[in-house]
Amino acid sequence: MDDKKKTDRRVLYTKMFLKESLLELMKEKPVDKITPTELCRKANINRNTFYTHYYTVRDVLAEVESDFSAQIIESLSSKFTAADIDISQMLKEICHIIYAQKDFCKVLLSENGDASFFETVISTGKPVVIMGWRSEGIELDDNEMEMFFSFIVNGSIALIRKWAASDMYESPEKVAALIERIAYTGINGMKQIK
């Protein structure tokens, strides 16, 4: 094994320990209350090593979120295209990914997590979703459509947060179906308004 592979593996392990330690600490307190010293102590890594890879604790969280976001996007991209998007199947897939990463998502969705993270992830599909709504007869101007999308997304996130707080007792399929039913009730109401 050459030195570069050995170094790469050490960097990956170091980052993995820091990420896991951060999530453990976030079970007890918000990310902004966690210091680099505390994180390093938990991960059993010295501060110089931490600063070799990150500037702040928030940078570690940003990388955790980026990794998870990439996993969701990769999974959705491999199953759906813009031409044949199936919102019902997409919701199920997202709920299954969240469920598969249950412990991790419970921390991110808790009051100690980053409130805007899931909104950012879900918003990656916004153009396709809005295009689908328009094809279903919703005739809102761009500003109203943005507000409607925000309403549906934030309601969905609230429901997913409640699901996470209940230890994800309900199945991913049931949660996806509930989100879809609530969203489509709102969509059908918007069709009637215009």
N, C-alpha and C. Protein backbone atom coordinates (compact mmCIF):
# COMPACT_ATOMS: atom_id res chain seq x y z
N MET A 1 0.85 -1.18 0.00
CA MET A 1 0.00 0.00 0.00
C MET A 1 0.90 1.24 0.00
N ASP A 2 0.60 2.16 -0.91
CA ASP A 2 1.43 3.35 -0.97
C ASP A 2 1.02 4.36 0.10
N ASP A 3 1.90 5.35 0.32
CA ASP A 3 1.69 6.34 1.39
C ASP A 3 0.44 7.19 1.16
N LYS A 4 0.13 7.50 -0.11
CA LYS A 4 -1.05 8.33 -0.39
C LYS A 4 -2.33 7.63 0.04
N LYS A 5 -2.48 6.33 -0.28
CA LYS A 5 -3.67 5.58 0.11
C LYS A 5 -3.77 5.50 1.63
N LYS A 6 -2.62 5.29 2.29
CA LYS A 6 -2.60 5.21 3.74
C LYS A 6 -3.04 6.55 4.33
N THR A 7 -2.55 7.65 3.77
CA THR A 7 -2.91 8.98 4.24
C THR A 7 -4.40 9.23 3.99
N ASP A 8 -4.88 8.89 2.79
CA ASP A 8 -6.29 9.09 2.48
C ASP A 8 -7.18 8.33 3.45
N ARG A 9 -6.80 7.12 3.76
CA ARG A 9 -7.59 6.31 4.69
C ARG A 9 -7.59 6.95 6.08
N ARG A 10 -6.46 7.46 6.52
CA ARG A 10 -6.39 8.12 7.83
C ARG A 10 -7.26 9.37 7.86
N VAL A 11 -7.26 10.13 6.78
CA VAL A 11 -8.10 11.33 6.70
C VAL A 11 -9.57 10.93 6.78
N LEU A 12 -9.95 9.89 6.03
CA LEU A 12 -11.33 9.42 6.05
C LEU A 12 -11.75 8.97 7.45
N TYR A 13 -10.88 8.23 8.13
CA TYR A 13 -11.18 7.78 9.50
C TYR A 13 -11.30 8.96 10.45
N THR A 14 -10.39 9.90 10.33
CA THR A 14 -10.43 11.08 11.20
C THR A 14 -11.74 11.83 11.01
N LYS A 15 -12.11 12.07 9.76
CA LYS A 15 -13.36 12.78 9.48
C LYS A 15 -14.56 11.99 9.96
N MET A 16 -14.52 10.67 9.78
CA MET A 16 -15.62 9.83 10.23
C MET A 16 -15.79 9.94 11.76
N PHE A 17 -14.69 9.88 12.49
CA PHE A 17 -14.77 9.99 13.95
C PHE A 17 -15.30 11.36 14.38
N LEU A 18 -14.86 12.40 13.69
CA LEU A 18 -15.35 13.74 14.01
C LEU A 18 -16.85 13.88 13.73
N LYS A 19 -17.29 13.34 12.61
CA LYS A 19 -18.72 13.42 12.26
C LYS A 19 -19.57 12.63 13.25
N GLU A 20 -19.15 11.41 13.55
CA GLU A 20 -19.91 10.58 14.51
C GLU A 20 -19.93 11.23 15.89
N SER A 21 -18.81 11.79 16.29
CA SER A 21 -18.74 12.44 17.60
C SER A 21 -19.62 13.68 17.65
N LEU A 22 -19.64 14.42 16.55
CA LEU A 22 -20.50 15.60 16.49
C LEU A 22 -21.97 15.21 16.65
N LEU A 23 -22.40 14.18 15.94
CA LEU A 23 -23.79 13.75 16.04
C LEU A 23 -24.12 13.26 17.45
N GLU A 24 -23.18 12.62 18.10
CA GLU A 24 -23.39 12.20 19.49
C GLU A 24 -23.56 13.42 20.40
N LEU A 25 -22.72 14.41 20.22
CA LEU A 25 -22.81 15.63 21.04
C LEU A 25 -24.09 16.40 20.76
N MET A 26 -24.54 16.36 19.50
CA MET A 26 -25.77 17.08 19.14
C MET A 26 -27.02 16.44 19.74
N LYS A 27 -26.91 15.24 20.25
CA LYS A 27 -28.05 14.64 20.96
C LYS A 27 -28.30 15.38 22.27
N GLU A 28 -27.24 16.05 22.75
CA GLU A 28 -27.32 16.72 24.05
C GLU A 28 -27.47 18.24 23.93
N LYS A 29 -26.94 18.82 22.86
CA LYS A 29 -27.00 20.28 22.74
C LYS A 29 -26.87 20.74 21.30
N PRO A 30 -27.27 21.99 21.02
CA PRO A 30 -27.19 22.51 19.65
C PRO A 30 -25.75 22.59 19.15
N VAL A 31 -25.61 22.50 17.86
CA VAL A 31 -24.29 22.51 17.23
C VAL A 31 -23.50 23.78 17.59
N ASP A 32 -24.19 24.91 17.68
CA ASP A 32 -23.50 26.16 17.97
C ASP A 32 -22.98 26.26 19.41
N LYS A 33 -23.37 25.32 20.24
CA LYS A 33 -22.89 25.29 21.63
C LYS A 33 -21.74 24.29 21.81
N ILE A 34 -21.36 23.62 20.73
CA ILE A 34 -20.29 22.63 20.78
C ILE A 34 -18.99 23.28 20.32
N THR A 35 -17.97 23.19 21.13
CA THR A 35 -16.68 23.80 20.79
C THR A 35 -15.78 22.78 20.07
N PRO A 36 -14.82 23.28 19.31
CA PRO A 36 -13.86 22.36 18.69
C PRO A 36 -13.13 21.49 19.73
N THR A 37 -12.80 22.09 20.87
CA THR A 37 -12.11 21.34 21.93
C THR A 37 -12.98 20.18 22.42
N GLU A 38 -14.24 20.46 22.65
CA GLU A 38 -15.17 19.43 23.11
C GLU A 38 -15.32 18.32 22.06
N LEU A 39 -15.44 18.71 20.81
CA LEU A 39 -15.57 17.74 19.72
C LEU A 39 -14.31 16.88 19.61
N CYS A 40 -13.16 17.50 19.68
CA CYS A 40 -11.90 16.77 19.58
C CYS A 40 -11.75 15.78 20.74
N ARG A 41 -12.14 16.22 21.92
CA ARG A 41 -12.07 15.34 23.09
C ARG A 41 -12.97 14.11 22.88
N LYS A 42 -14.18 14.35 22.40
CA LYS A 42 -15.13 13.26 22.17
C LYS A 42 -14.60 12.29 21.09
N ALA A 43 -13.98 12.82 20.04
CA ALA A 43 -13.47 12.00 18.94
C ALA A 43 -12.08 11.43 19.22
N ASN A 44 -11.48 11.87 20.34
CA ASN A 44 -10.12 11.46 20.71
C ASN A 44 -9.12 11.84 19.62
N ILE A 45 -9.25 13.09 19.16
CA ILE A 45 -8.40 13.64 18.10
C ILE A 45 -7.86 14.97 18.60
N ASN A 46 -6.61 15.28 18.29
CA ASN A 46 -6.09 16.56 18.77
C ASN A 46 -6.59 17.72 17.91
N ARG A 47 -6.55 18.91 18.50
CA ARG A 47 -7.11 20.09 17.84
C ARG A 47 -6.37 20.44 16.54
N ASN A 48 -5.07 20.22 16.50
CA ASN A 48 -4.33 20.52 15.27
C ASN A 48 -4.86 19.66 14.11
N THR A 49 -5.18 18.43 14.40
CA THR A 49 -5.73 17.55 13.36
C THR A 49 -7.09 18.07 12.91
N PHE A 50 -7.91 18.49 13.87
CA PHE A 50 -9.22 19.07 13.54
C PHE A 50 -9.04 20.24 12.58
N TYR A 51 -8.15 21.17 12.94
CA TYR A 51 -7.97 22.38 12.13
C TYR A 51 -7.28 22.11 10.79
N THR A 52 -6.70 20.95 10.64
CA THR A 52 -6.16 20.56 9.34
C THR A 52 -7.29 20.35 8.33
N HIS A 53 -8.45 19.91 8.83
CA HIS A 53 -9.57 19.55 7.96
C HIS A 53 -10.74 20.54 7.99
N TYR A 54 -10.93 21.22 9.10
CA TYR A 54 -12.09 22.10 9.28
C TYR A 54 -11.69 23.40 9.98
N TYR A 55 -12.49 24.43 9.76
CA TYR A 55 -12.28 25.69 10.46
C TYR A 55 -13.16 25.78 11.71
N THR A 56 -14.39 25.26 11.59
CA THR A 56 -15.35 25.36 12.69
C THR A 56 -16.11 24.04 12.83
N VAL A 57 -16.82 23.91 13.94
CA VAL A 57 -17.68 22.75 14.15
C VAL A 57 -18.80 22.74 13.11
N ARG A 58 -19.29 23.91 12.76
CA ARG A 58 -20.33 24.02 11.72
C ARG A 58 -19.85 23.44 10.39
N ASP A 59 -18.55 23.53 10.10
CA ASP A 59 -18.01 22.96 8.86
C ASP A 59 -18.14 21.43 8.87
N VAL A 60 -17.99 20.83 10.04
CA VAL A 60 -18.16 19.38 10.15
C VAL A 60 -19.62 19.03 9.86
N LEU A 61 -20.54 19.78 10.47
CA LEU A 61 -21.97 19.55 10.24
C LEU A 61 -22.32 19.76 8.76
N ALA A 62 -21.75 20.79 8.15
CA ALA A 62 -22.02 21.05 6.73
C ALA A 62 -21.59 19.86 5.88
N GLU A 63 -20.48 19.24 6.23
CA GLU A 63 -20.02 18.08 5.46
C GLU A 63 -20.93 16.87 5.70
N VAL A 64 -21.39 16.70 6.93
CA VAL A 64 -22.35 15.62 7.23
C VAL A 64 -23.61 15.81 6.40
N GLU A 65 -24.12 17.02 6.38
CA GLU A 65 -25.33 17.33 5.63
C GLU A 65 -25.11 17.17 4.13
N SER A 66 -23.97 17.59 3.66
CA SER A 66 -23.65 17.47 2.24
C SER A 66 -23.59 15.99 1.81
N ASP A 67 -22.98 15.16 2.65
CA ASP A 67 -22.91 13.72 2.37
C ASP A 67 -24.31 13.12 2.28
N PHE A 68 -25.17 13.48 3.23
CA PHE A 68 -26.53 12.94 3.27
C PHE A 68 -27.35 13.46 2.08
N SER A 69 -27.21 14.73 1.78
CA SER A 69 -27.90 15.33 0.65
C SER A 69 -27.49 14.64 -0.65
N ALA A 70 -26.21 14.39 -0.81
CA ALA A 70 -25.71 13.71 -2.01
C ALA A 70 -26.29 12.30 -2.11
N GLN A 71 -26.43 11.64 -0.99
CA GLN A 71 -27.02 10.29 -0.97
C GLN A 71 -28.47 10.34 -1.45
N ILE A 72 -29.24 11.31 -0.97
CA ILE A 72 -30.64 11.44 -1.39
C ILE A 72 -30.72 11.76 -2.88
N ILE A 73 -29.93 12.73 -3.32
CA ILE A 73 -29.96 13.15 -4.73
C ILE A 73 -29.53 11.99 -5.63
N GLU A 74 -28.50 11.26 -5.25
CA GLU A 74 -28.04 10.12 -6.05
C GLU A 74 -29.13 9.05 -6.14
N SER A 75 -29.77 8.77 -5.02
CA SER A 75 -30.82 7.76 -5.01
C SER A 75 -31.99 8.18 -5.90
N LEU A 76 -32.41 9.43 -5.77
CA LEU A 76 -33.53 9.92 -6.58
C LEU A 76 -33.16 9.98 -8.06
N SER A 77 -31.94 10.42 -8.35
CA SER A 77 -31.49 10.52 -9.75
C SER A 77 -31.42 9.16 -10.42
N SER A 78 -31.09 8.14 -9.65
CA SER A 78 -30.99 6.80 -10.24
C SER A 78 -32.36 6.18 -10.50
N LYS A 79 -33.40 6.72 -9.86
CA LYS A 79 -34.74 6.13 -10.00
C LYS A 79 -35.71 6.97 -10.80
N PHE A 80 -35.45 8.27 -10.89
CA PHE A 80 -36.41 9.16 -11.54
C PHE A 80 -35.72 10.11 -12.51
N THR A 81 -36.43 10.46 -13.58
CA THR A 81 -35.96 11.52 -14.47
C THR A 81 -37.03 12.60 -14.48
N ALA A 82 -36.70 13.78 -14.95
CA ALA A 82 -37.66 14.88 -14.99
C ALA A 82 -38.87 14.51 -15.84
N ALA A 83 -38.67 13.68 -16.85
CA ALA A 83 -39.76 13.31 -17.75
C ALA A 83 -40.76 12.35 -17.10
N ASP A 84 -40.27 11.48 -16.22
CA ASP A 84 -41.17 10.47 -15.65
C ASP A 84 -41.23 10.53 -14.12
N ILE A 85 -41.21 11.72 -13.58
CA ILE A 85 -41.23 11.88 -12.13
C ILE A 85 -42.55 11.37 -11.56
N ASP A 86 -42.46 10.61 -10.51
CA ASP A 86 -43.63 10.11 -9.80
C ASP A 86 -43.49 10.61 -8.37
N ILE A 87 -44.25 11.66 -8.04
CA ILE A 87 -44.12 12.31 -6.73
C ILE A 87 -44.36 11.30 -5.61
N SER A 88 -45.34 10.43 -5.77
CA SER A 88 -45.66 9.44 -4.74
C SER A 88 -44.45 8.54 -4.47
N GLN A 89 -43.84 8.02 -5.53
CA GLN A 89 -42.67 7.16 -5.39
C GLN A 89 -41.48 7.94 -4.84
N MET A 90 -41.34 9.20 -5.26
CA MET A 90 -40.25 10.03 -4.78
C MET A 90 -40.39 10.26 -3.27
N LEU A 91 -41.59 10.54 -2.78
CA LEU A 91 -41.82 10.73 -1.35
C LEU A 91 -41.48 9.45 -0.58
N LYS A 92 -41.90 8.32 -1.12
CA LYS A 92 -41.59 7.04 -0.46
C LYS A 92 -40.09 6.82 -0.38
N GLU A 93 -39.40 7.12 -1.47
CA GLU A 93 -37.94 6.93 -1.49
C GLU A 93 -37.26 7.83 -0.45
N ILE A 94 -37.67 9.09 -0.38
CA ILE A 94 -37.09 10.00 0.61
C ILE A 94 -37.36 9.50 2.02
N CYS A 95 -38.59 9.08 2.29
CA CYS A 95 -38.93 8.57 3.63
C CYS A 95 -38.14 7.30 3.95
N HIS A 96 -37.91 6.44 2.95
CA HIS A 96 -37.10 5.24 3.18
C HIS A 96 -35.65 5.59 3.50
N ILE A 97 -35.11 6.58 2.81
CA ILE A 97 -33.72 6.99 3.08
C ILE A 97 -33.62 7.57 4.49
N ILE A 98 -34.58 8.39 4.86
CA ILE A 98 -34.59 8.96 6.22
C ILE A 98 -34.69 7.84 7.25
N TYR A 99 -35.57 6.88 6.99
CA TYR A 99 -35.77 5.77 7.92
C TYR A 99 -34.51 4.91 8.03
N ALA A 100 -33.84 4.68 6.91
CA ALA A 100 -32.61 3.87 6.91
C ALA A 100 -31.49 4.54 7.71
N GLN A 101 -31.54 5.86 7.78
CA GLN A 101 -30.54 6.63 8.54
C GLN A 101 -31.19 7.22 9.80
N LYS A 102 -32.05 6.43 10.41
CA LYS A 102 -32.91 6.85 11.50
C LYS A 102 -32.18 7.65 12.60
N ASP A 103 -31.14 7.09 13.18
CA ASP A 103 -30.46 7.75 14.29
C ASP A 103 -29.86 9.09 13.86
N PHE A 104 -29.25 9.08 12.72
CA PHE A 104 -28.64 10.27 12.15
C PHE A 104 -29.70 11.35 11.90
N CYS A 105 -30.80 10.96 11.27
CA CYS A 105 -31.85 11.92 10.92
C CYS A 105 -32.57 12.46 12.15
N LYS A 106 -32.72 11.63 13.17
CA LYS A 106 -33.35 12.11 14.40
C LYS A 106 -32.56 13.27 14.98
N VAL A 107 -31.25 13.19 14.90
CA VAL A 107 -30.41 14.29 15.40
C VAL A 107 -30.55 15.51 14.50
N LEU A 108 -30.47 15.33 13.18
CA LEU A 108 -30.58 16.47 12.27
C LEU A 108 -31.95 17.13 12.33
N LEU A 109 -32.99 16.36 12.59
CA LEU A 109 -34.34 16.90 12.65
C LEU A 109 -34.73 17.40 14.04
N SER A 110 -33.88 17.18 15.02
CA SER A 110 -34.18 17.62 16.39
C SER A 110 -33.95 19.13 16.50
N GLU A 111 -34.33 19.66 17.64
CA GLU A 111 -34.11 21.10 17.88
C GLU A 111 -32.63 21.45 17.92
N ASN A 112 -31.76 20.47 18.08
CA ASN A 112 -30.32 20.72 18.08
C ASN A 112 -29.71 20.68 16.68
N GLY A 113 -30.51 20.28 15.69
CA GLY A 113 -30.02 20.18 14.32
C GLY A 113 -30.12 21.51 13.58
N ASP A 114 -29.84 21.45 12.31
CA ASP A 114 -29.89 22.62 11.44
C ASP A 114 -31.28 22.69 10.81
N ALA A 115 -32.06 23.65 11.21
CA ALA A 115 -33.46 23.76 10.80
C ALA A 115 -33.62 23.88 9.28
N SER A 116 -32.68 24.48 8.62
CA SER A 116 -32.84 24.74 7.18
C SER A 116 -32.36 23.59 6.30
N PHE A 117 -31.70 22.60 6.87
CA PHE A 117 -31.10 21.55 6.06
C PHE A 117 -32.11 20.80 5.20
N PHE A 118 -33.17 20.28 5.82
CA PHE A 118 -34.13 19.49 5.05
C PHE A 118 -34.87 20.33 4.03
N GLU A 119 -35.09 21.60 4.34
CA GLU A 119 -35.72 22.48 3.36
C GLU A 119 -34.83 22.61 2.12
N THR A 120 -33.54 22.74 2.33
CA THR A 120 -32.59 22.84 1.23
C THR A 120 -32.59 21.56 0.39
N VAL A 121 -32.59 20.40 1.06
CA VAL A 121 -32.58 19.13 0.34
C VAL A 121 -33.85 18.97 -0.49
N ILE A 122 -34.99 19.22 0.14
CA ILE A 122 -36.26 19.04 -0.57
C ILE A 122 -36.39 20.04 -1.71
N SER A 123 -35.84 21.22 -1.53
CA SER A 123 -35.95 22.25 -2.55
C SER A 123 -35.17 21.94 -3.82
N THR A 124 -34.30 20.94 -3.78
CA THR A 124 -33.57 20.58 -5.00
C THR A 124 -34.53 20.09 -6.08
N GLY A 125 -35.68 19.56 -5.67
CA GLY A 125 -36.66 19.08 -6.64
C GLY A 125 -37.71 20.11 -7.01
N LYS A 126 -37.55 21.35 -6.55
CA LYS A 126 -38.56 22.39 -6.75
C LYS A 126 -38.94 22.61 -8.21
N PRO A 127 -38.01 22.78 -9.14
CA PRO A 127 -38.43 23.04 -10.53
C PRO A 127 -39.32 21.95 -11.10
N VAL A 128 -38.99 20.70 -10.81
CA VAL A 128 -39.76 19.58 -11.34
C VAL A 128 -41.15 19.55 -10.69
N VAL A 129 -41.21 19.77 -9.38
CA VAL A 129 -42.48 19.75 -8.66
C VAL A 129 -43.39 20.88 -9.16
N ILE A 130 -42.84 22.08 -9.30
CA ILE A 130 -43.64 23.21 -9.77
C ILE A 130 -44.13 22.96 -11.19
N MET A 131 -43.28 22.41 -12.03
CA MET A 131 -43.69 22.08 -13.39
C MET A 131 -44.86 21.08 -13.36
N GLY A 132 -44.78 20.10 -12.46
CA GLY A 132 -45.86 19.12 -12.32
C GLY A 132 -47.15 19.78 -11.85
N TRP A 133 -47.05 20.70 -10.89
CA TRP A 133 -48.24 21.40 -10.40
C TRP A 133 -48.88 22.22 -11.51
N ARG A 134 -48.06 22.90 -12.29
CA ARG A 134 -48.60 23.70 -13.39
C ARG A 134 -49.31 22.81 -14.40
N SER A 135 -48.75 21.63 -14.65
CA SER A 135 -49.39 20.72 -15.61
C SER A 135 -50.71 20.16 -15.05
N GLU A 136 -50.86 20.20 -13.72
CA GLU A 136 -52.11 19.74 -13.10
C GLU A 136 -53.15 20.85 -13.01
N GLY A 137 -52.83 22.02 -13.51
CA GLY A 137 -53.83 23.08 -13.58
C GLY A 137 -53.71 24.18 -12.55
N ILE A 138 -52.64 24.22 -11.79
CA ILE A 138 -52.48 25.31 -10.82
C ILE A 138 -51.94 26.52 -11.57
N GLU A 139 -52.72 27.58 -11.58
CA GLU A 139 -52.37 28.79 -12.34
C GLU A 139 -52.05 29.93 -11.39
N LEU A 140 -50.91 29.83 -10.74
CA LEU A 140 -50.44 30.87 -9.84
C LEU A 140 -49.28 31.59 -10.50
N ASP A 141 -49.11 32.87 -10.15
CA ASP A 141 -47.93 33.56 -10.67
C ASP A 141 -46.70 33.01 -9.93
N ASP A 142 -45.53 33.37 -10.39
CA ASP A 142 -44.29 32.80 -9.84
C ASP A 142 -44.16 33.03 -8.34
N ASN A 143 -44.49 34.23 -7.87
CA ASN A 143 -44.38 34.55 -6.44
C ASN A 143 -45.34 33.70 -5.61
N GLU A 144 -46.59 33.57 -6.08
CA GLU A 144 -47.56 32.74 -5.37
C GLU A 144 -47.14 31.27 -5.37
N MET A 145 -46.58 30.81 -6.48
CA MET A 145 -46.12 29.43 -6.57
C MET A 145 -44.98 29.18 -5.59
N GLU A 146 -44.08 30.15 -5.46
CA GLU A 146 -42.98 30.04 -4.48
C GLU A 146 -43.53 29.92 -3.06
N MET A 147 -44.54 30.75 -2.75
CA MET A 147 -45.14 30.71 -1.42
C MET A 147 -45.85 29.38 -1.18
N PHE A 148 -46.56 28.89 -2.18
CA PHE A 148 -47.26 27.62 -2.06
C PHE A 148 -46.26 26.48 -1.86
N PHE A 149 -45.17 26.49 -2.64
CA PHE A 149 -44.14 25.46 -2.50
C PHE A 149 -43.55 25.49 -1.09
N SER A 150 -43.26 26.70 -0.60
CA SER A 150 -42.70 26.86 0.74
C SER A 150 -43.65 26.30 1.80
N PHE A 151 -44.93 26.56 1.64
CA PHE A 151 -45.94 26.07 2.56
C PHE A 151 -45.95 24.53 2.58
N ILE A 152 -45.98 23.92 1.41
CA ILE A 152 -46.01 22.45 1.31
C ILE A 152 -44.72 21.85 1.88
N VAL A 153 -43.58 22.43 1.54
CA VAL A 153 -42.30 21.90 2.01
C VAL A 153 -42.19 22.00 3.53
N ASN A 154 -42.51 23.16 4.08
CA ASN A 154 -42.38 23.33 5.53
C ASN A 154 -43.37 22.47 6.29
N GLY A 155 -44.57 22.28 5.74
CA GLY A 155 -45.52 21.36 6.37
C GLY A 155 -45.01 19.93 6.34
N SER A 156 -44.41 19.55 5.23
CA SER A 156 -43.84 18.20 5.09
C SER A 156 -42.70 17.99 6.08
N ILE A 157 -41.87 19.00 6.22
CA ILE A 157 -40.73 18.90 7.15
C ILE A 157 -41.25 18.79 8.58
N ALA A 158 -42.27 19.56 8.93
CA ALA A 158 -42.86 19.48 10.27
C ALA A 158 -43.38 18.07 10.54
N LEU A 159 -44.02 17.48 9.55
CA LEU A 159 -44.54 16.13 9.70
C LEU A 159 -43.39 15.13 9.87
N ILE A 160 -42.34 15.28 9.08
CA ILE A 160 -41.18 14.39 9.18
C ILE A 160 -40.49 14.57 10.53
N ARG A 161 -40.41 15.80 11.03
CA ARG A 161 -39.83 16.05 12.36
C ARG A 161 -40.63 15.34 13.44
N LYS A 162 -41.95 15.42 13.34
CA LYS A 162 -42.83 14.75 14.31
C LYS A 162 -42.61 13.24 14.24
N TRP A 163 -42.47 12.72 13.04
CA TRP A 163 -42.20 11.30 12.83
C TRP A 163 -40.88 10.91 13.50
N ALA A 164 -39.84 11.72 13.29
CA ALA A 164 -38.53 11.43 13.89
C ALA A 164 -38.61 11.48 15.41
N ALA A 165 -39.33 12.46 15.94
CA ALA A 165 -39.45 12.61 17.40
C ALA A 165 -40.19 11.42 18.03
N SER A 166 -41.05 10.75 17.25
CA SER A 166 -41.78 9.58 17.76
C SER A 166 -41.00 8.29 17.51
N ASP A 167 -39.71 8.43 17.25
CA ASP A 167 -38.82 7.29 16.98
C ASP A 167 -39.21 6.55 15.71
N MET A 168 -39.82 7.29 14.78
CA MET A 168 -40.21 6.76 13.47
C MET A 168 -41.05 5.50 13.62
N TYR A 169 -42.04 5.60 14.49
CA TYR A 169 -42.94 4.49 14.78
C TYR A 169 -43.73 4.05 13.54
N GLU A 170 -44.21 5.02 12.76
CA GLU A 170 -44.97 4.71 11.54
C GLU A 170 -44.02 4.28 10.43
N SER A 171 -44.53 3.53 9.47
CA SER A 171 -43.70 3.07 8.35
C SER A 171 -43.41 4.24 7.40
N PRO A 172 -42.31 4.16 6.66
CA PRO A 172 -42.01 5.20 5.67
C PRO A 172 -43.13 5.35 4.65
N GLU A 173 -43.76 4.23 4.26
CA GLU A 173 -44.86 4.30 3.29
C GLU A 173 -46.04 5.09 3.84
N LYS A 174 -46.36 4.89 5.11
CA LYS A 174 -47.49 5.58 5.72
C LYS A 174 -47.22 7.08 5.82
N VAL A 175 -46.00 7.44 6.20
CA VAL A 175 -45.64 8.86 6.30
C VAL A 175 -45.66 9.51 4.92
N ALA A 176 -45.10 8.83 3.92
CA ALA A 176 -45.11 9.37 2.55
C ALA A 176 -46.53 9.56 2.06
N ALA A 177 -47.41 8.59 2.34
CA ALA A 177 -48.81 8.68 1.90
C ALA A 177 -49.51 9.85 2.59
N LEU A 178 -49.22 10.07 3.86
CA LEU A 178 -49.83 11.18 4.60
C LEU A 178 -49.37 12.53 4.03
N ILE A 179 -48.08 12.65 3.77
CA ILE A 179 -47.56 13.89 3.17
C ILE A 179 -48.23 14.12 1.82
N GLU A 180 -48.30 13.06 1.03
CA GLU A 180 -48.91 13.19 -0.30
C GLU A 180 -50.39 13.60 -0.19
N ARG A 181 -51.12 12.99 0.71
CA ARG A 181 -52.54 13.31 0.86
C ARG A 181 -52.73 14.76 1.28
N ILE A 182 -51.93 15.21 2.24
CA ILE A 182 -52.03 16.60 2.71
C ILE A 182 -51.65 17.56 1.58
N ALA A 183 -50.57 17.24 0.87
CA ALA A 183 -50.12 18.12 -0.22
C ALA A 183 -51.17 18.19 -1.32
N TYR A 184 -51.73 17.04 -1.70
CA TYR A 184 -52.70 17.06 -2.80
C TYR A 184 -54.03 17.68 -2.40
N THR A 185 -54.36 17.65 -1.11
CA THR A 185 -55.55 18.38 -0.66
C THR A 185 -55.32 19.86 -0.91
N GLY A 186 -54.11 20.34 -0.57
CA GLY A 186 -53.77 21.74 -0.83
C GLY A 186 -53.72 22.06 -2.31
N ILE A 187 -53.19 21.16 -3.10
CA ILE A 187 -53.09 21.37 -4.55
C ILE A 187 -54.48 21.46 -5.16
N ASN A 188 -55.37 20.54 -4.77
CA ASN A 188 -56.73 20.58 -5.30
C ASN A 188 -57.45 21.85 -4.88
N GLY A 189 -57.18 22.33 -3.68
CA GLY A 189 -57.76 23.60 -3.24
C GLY A 189 -57.26 24.76 -4.07
N MET A 190 -56.00 24.73 -4.45
CA MET A 190 -55.44 25.81 -5.27
C MET A 190 -56.04 25.79 -6.67
N LYS A 191 -56.38 24.62 -7.18
CA LYS A 191 -57.00 24.53 -8.50
C LYS A 191 -58.38 25.21 -8.48
N GLN A 192 -59.08 25.08 -7.37
CA GLN A 192 -60.44 25.63 -7.25
C GLN A 192 -60.44 27.14 -7.07
N ILE A 193 -59.36 27.68 -6.49
CA ILE A 193 -59.30 29.12 -6.22
C ILE A 193 -59.23 29.92 -7.48
N LYS A 194 -58.45 29.50 -8.44
CA LYS A 194 -58.23 30.29 -9.66
C LYS A 194 -59.27 30.03 -10.70
